[in-house]
Amino acid sequence: MIDVSQHAPDVRPVEDPFRFEAGCPIVPAILALGAAVRYAEEIGIDAIAERVAELTAYAVEQFSTLPGFELYGPKHVAQRIGIVPFNLRGVDPARLVSALEAQHCIIEAGSFMADAILARYDVSTMARVSLHYFNTRNEIDRVVRIIRETVA
């Protein structure tokens, strides 16, 4: 623990034994993590990875049909899994997020605390689709359709 009654640069740990206090463990989160691991093991880690890789490849293929699509990161789909960061030239990623949220589809936009990558691609923000084994091709098609309608 830290004695927050002090102002920087005088912040210092509280005296023993309180400085070793761990606080309250988040028991529900710990139990949920165990359940999630068991669930993933039931499905099979390899099966999950295969499904996510297939969905990622499909998403990149479908998104590449959008006008002005710029994909960030590895160009070979085999080198990426589940994350599709992109921009559409001339379209604010926040506009895409808003249009999709209005249709109950969630993607993210922002810097994702990845300033070095943004600088590498000379962009200040990007959109990101995050996929997992529970997503479907129909959901990807729906996102692409909504984006296409938004930028038309």
Protein backbone atom coordinates (compact mmCIF):
# COMPACT_ATOMS: atom_id res chain seq x y z
CA MET A 1 0.00 0.00 0.00
CA ILE A 2 0.99 3.59 -0.54
CA ASP A 3 0.34 6.42 1.89
CA VAL A 4 -1.63 8.72 -0.40
CA SER A 5 -1.88 11.45 2.24
CA GLN A 6 1.63 12.46 1.19
CA HIS A 7 2.30 14.51 -1.92
CA ALA A 8 4.81 13.51 -4.57
CA PRO A 9 7.79 13.27 -4.39
CA ASP A 10 7.25 12.39 -0.71
CA VAL A 11 4.98 9.41 -1.44
CA ARG A 12 6.25 6.37 0.42
CA PRO A 13 5.00 2.93 1.43
CA VAL A 14 3.05 2.75 4.67
CA GLU A 15 4.70 1.08 7.64
CA ASP A 16 4.79 -2.69 8.15
CA PRO A 17 2.65 -4.79 8.28
CA PHE A 18 0.12 -2.73 6.28
CA ARG A 19 2.38 -2.23 3.30
CA PHE A 20 2.15 -5.96 2.56
CA GLU A 21 -1.65 -5.99 2.61
CA ALA A 22 -2.99 -7.56 -0.54
CA GLY A 23 -6.48 -6.18 -0.27
CA CYS A 24 -9.55 -8.24 -1.01
CA PRO A 25 -9.19 -10.84 -3.74
CA ILE A 26 -11.88 -10.63 -6.42
CA VAL A 27 -13.34 -14.07 -5.74
CA PRO A 28 -16.02 -13.99 -8.47
CA ALA A 29 -13.39 -13.09 -11.08
CA ILE A 30 -11.09 -15.86 -9.88
CA LEU A 31 -13.92 -18.40 -10.10
CA ALA A 32 -14.97 -17.08 -13.51
CA LEU A 33 -11.42 -17.43 -14.82
CA GLY A 34 -11.37 -21.06 -13.73
CA ALA A 35 -14.71 -21.69 -15.44
CA ALA A 36 -13.47 -19.96 -18.61
CA VAL A 37 -10.33 -22.11 -18.70
CA ARG A 38 -12.38 -25.30 -18.26
CA TYR A 39 -14.77 -24.19 -21.01
CA ALA A 40 -11.90 -23.45 -23.42
CA GLU A 41 -10.34 -26.82 -22.64
CA GLU A 42 -13.67 -28.54 -23.37
CA ILE A 43 -13.86 -26.90 -26.80
CA GLY A 44 -10.16 -27.43 -27.39
CA ILE A 45 -7.51 -24.74 -27.69
CA ASP A 46 -6.52 -25.94 -31.18
CA ALA A 47 -10.16 -25.88 -32.33
CA ILE A 48 -10.56 -22.33 -31.00
CA ALA A 49 -7.35 -21.18 -32.73
CA GLU A 50 -8.41 -22.78 -36.01
CA ARG A 51 -11.85 -21.16 -35.86
CA VAL A 52 -10.44 -17.72 -35.05
CA ALA A 53 -7.87 -18.00 -37.85
CA GLU A 54 -10.63 -18.92 -40.33
CA LEU A 55 -12.81 -16.00 -39.19
CA THR A 56 -9.85 -13.61 -39.35
CA ALA A 57 -9.08 -14.64 -42.93
CA TYR A 58 -12.73 -14.24 -43.88
CA ALA A 59 -12.95 -10.82 -42.21
CA VAL A 60 -9.84 -9.51 -43.98
CA GLU A 61 -11.20 -10.82 -47.29
CA GLN A 62 -14.58 -9.12 -46.75
CA PHE A 63 -13.22 -5.87 -45.36
CA SER A 64 -10.83 -5.58 -48.29
CA THR A 65 -13.89 -5.10 -50.54
CA LEU A 66 -14.65 -1.79 -48.80
CA PRO A 67 -13.54 1.34 -50.67
CA GLY A 68 -10.36 2.85 -49.21
CA PHE A 69 -9.68 -0.12 -46.91
CA GLU A 70 -6.24 0.04 -45.27
CA LEU A 71 -5.20 -2.98 -43.20
CA TYR A 72 -2.58 -2.51 -40.48
CA GLY A 73 -0.25 -5.19 -39.23
CA PRO A 74 0.89 -8.37 -40.96
CA LYS A 75 -0.38 -8.65 -44.53
CA HIS A 76 -0.39 -12.46 -44.44
CA VAL A 77 -3.47 -13.65 -42.59
CA ALA A 78 -1.52 -16.62 -41.22
CA GLN A 79 0.49 -14.11 -39.15
CA ARG A 80 -2.51 -12.56 -37.44
CA ILE A 81 -5.32 -13.95 -35.35
CA GLY A 82 -8.56 -12.37 -34.26
CA ILE A 83 -7.60 -8.70 -34.53
CA VAL A 84 -8.26 -6.68 -37.68
CA PRO A 85 -7.07 -3.06 -37.29
CA PHE A 86 -8.01 -0.87 -40.26
CA ASN A 87 -9.03 2.49 -41.60
CA LEU A 88 -11.09 3.58 -44.56
CA ARG A 89 -9.34 6.45 -46.32
CA GLY A 90 -11.15 9.70 -45.54
CA VAL A 91 -13.50 8.19 -42.93
CA ASP A 92 -13.19 8.94 -39.22
CA PRO A 93 -13.11 5.58 -37.37
CA ALA A 94 -15.37 7.08 -34.68
CA ARG A 95 -18.05 7.48 -37.37
CA LEU A 96 -17.88 3.75 -38.07
CA VAL A 97 -18.13 2.92 -34.37
CA SER A 98 -21.22 5.14 -33.97
CA ALA A 99 -22.96 3.70 -37.02
CA LEU A 100 -22.28 0.14 -35.88
CA GLU A 101 -23.31 0.81 -32.27
CA ALA A 102 -26.64 2.13 -33.54
CA GLN A 103 -27.12 -1.32 -35.12
CA HIS A 104 -25.95 -3.17 -31.97
CA CYS A 105 -22.57 -4.11 -33.44
CA ILE A 106 -19.50 -3.24 -31.44
CA ILE A 107 -16.08 -2.46 -32.83
CA GLU A 108 -13.45 -0.20 -31.31
CA ALA A 109 -11.66 2.89 -32.54
CA GLY A 110 -8.79 4.81 -31.05
CA SER A 111 -5.06 4.66 -30.50
CA PHE A 112 -5.14 1.47 -28.38
CA MET A 113 -2.04 2.77 -26.56
CA ALA A 114 -0.06 1.77 -29.63
CA ASP A 115 1.58 5.07 -30.51
CA ALA A 116 4.61 3.42 -32.14
CA ILE A 117 2.38 1.43 -34.49
CA LEU A 118 0.23 4.46 -35.30
CA ALA A 119 3.41 6.42 -36.10
CA ARG A 120 4.67 3.56 -38.24
CA TYR A 121 1.56 3.77 -40.40
CA ASP A 122 1.33 7.59 -40.10
CA VAL A 123 -2.18 7.55 -38.64
CA SER A 124 -3.53 9.01 -35.39
CA THR A 125 -6.35 6.51 -34.86
CA MET A 126 -7.72 3.32 -36.35
CA ALA A 127 -10.75 1.05 -36.14
CA ARG A 128 -10.40 -2.48 -34.85
CA VAL A 129 -12.56 -5.55 -35.20
CA SER A 130 -11.84 -8.21 -32.58
CA LEU A 131 -13.01 -11.72 -33.40
CA HIS A 132 -13.24 -14.91 -31.40
CA TYR A 133 -14.51 -18.43 -31.96
CA PHE A 134 -18.10 -17.49 -31.05
CA ASN A 135 -18.39 -14.96 -33.87
CA THR A 136 -19.91 -15.94 -37.21
CA ARG A 137 -19.43 -15.16 -40.87
CA ASN A 138 -22.92 -13.64 -40.84
CA GLU A 139 -21.82 -11.16 -38.19
CA ILE A 140 -18.79 -10.19 -40.26
CA ASP A 141 -21.01 -9.77 -43.33
CA ARG A 142 -23.39 -7.60 -41.28
CA VAL A 143 -20.57 -5.33 -40.08
CA VAL A 144 -19.27 -4.94 -43.64
CA ARG A 145 -22.79 -4.17 -44.91
CA ILE A 146 -23.35 -1.51 -42.21
CA ILE A 147 -19.98 0.09 -42.91
CA ARG A 148 -20.68 0.07 -46.66
CA GLU A 149 -24.05 1.79 -46.04
CA THR A 150 -22.42 4.31 -43.70
CA VAL A 151 -19.76 5.46 -46.14
CA ALA A 152 -22.00 5.38 -49.24
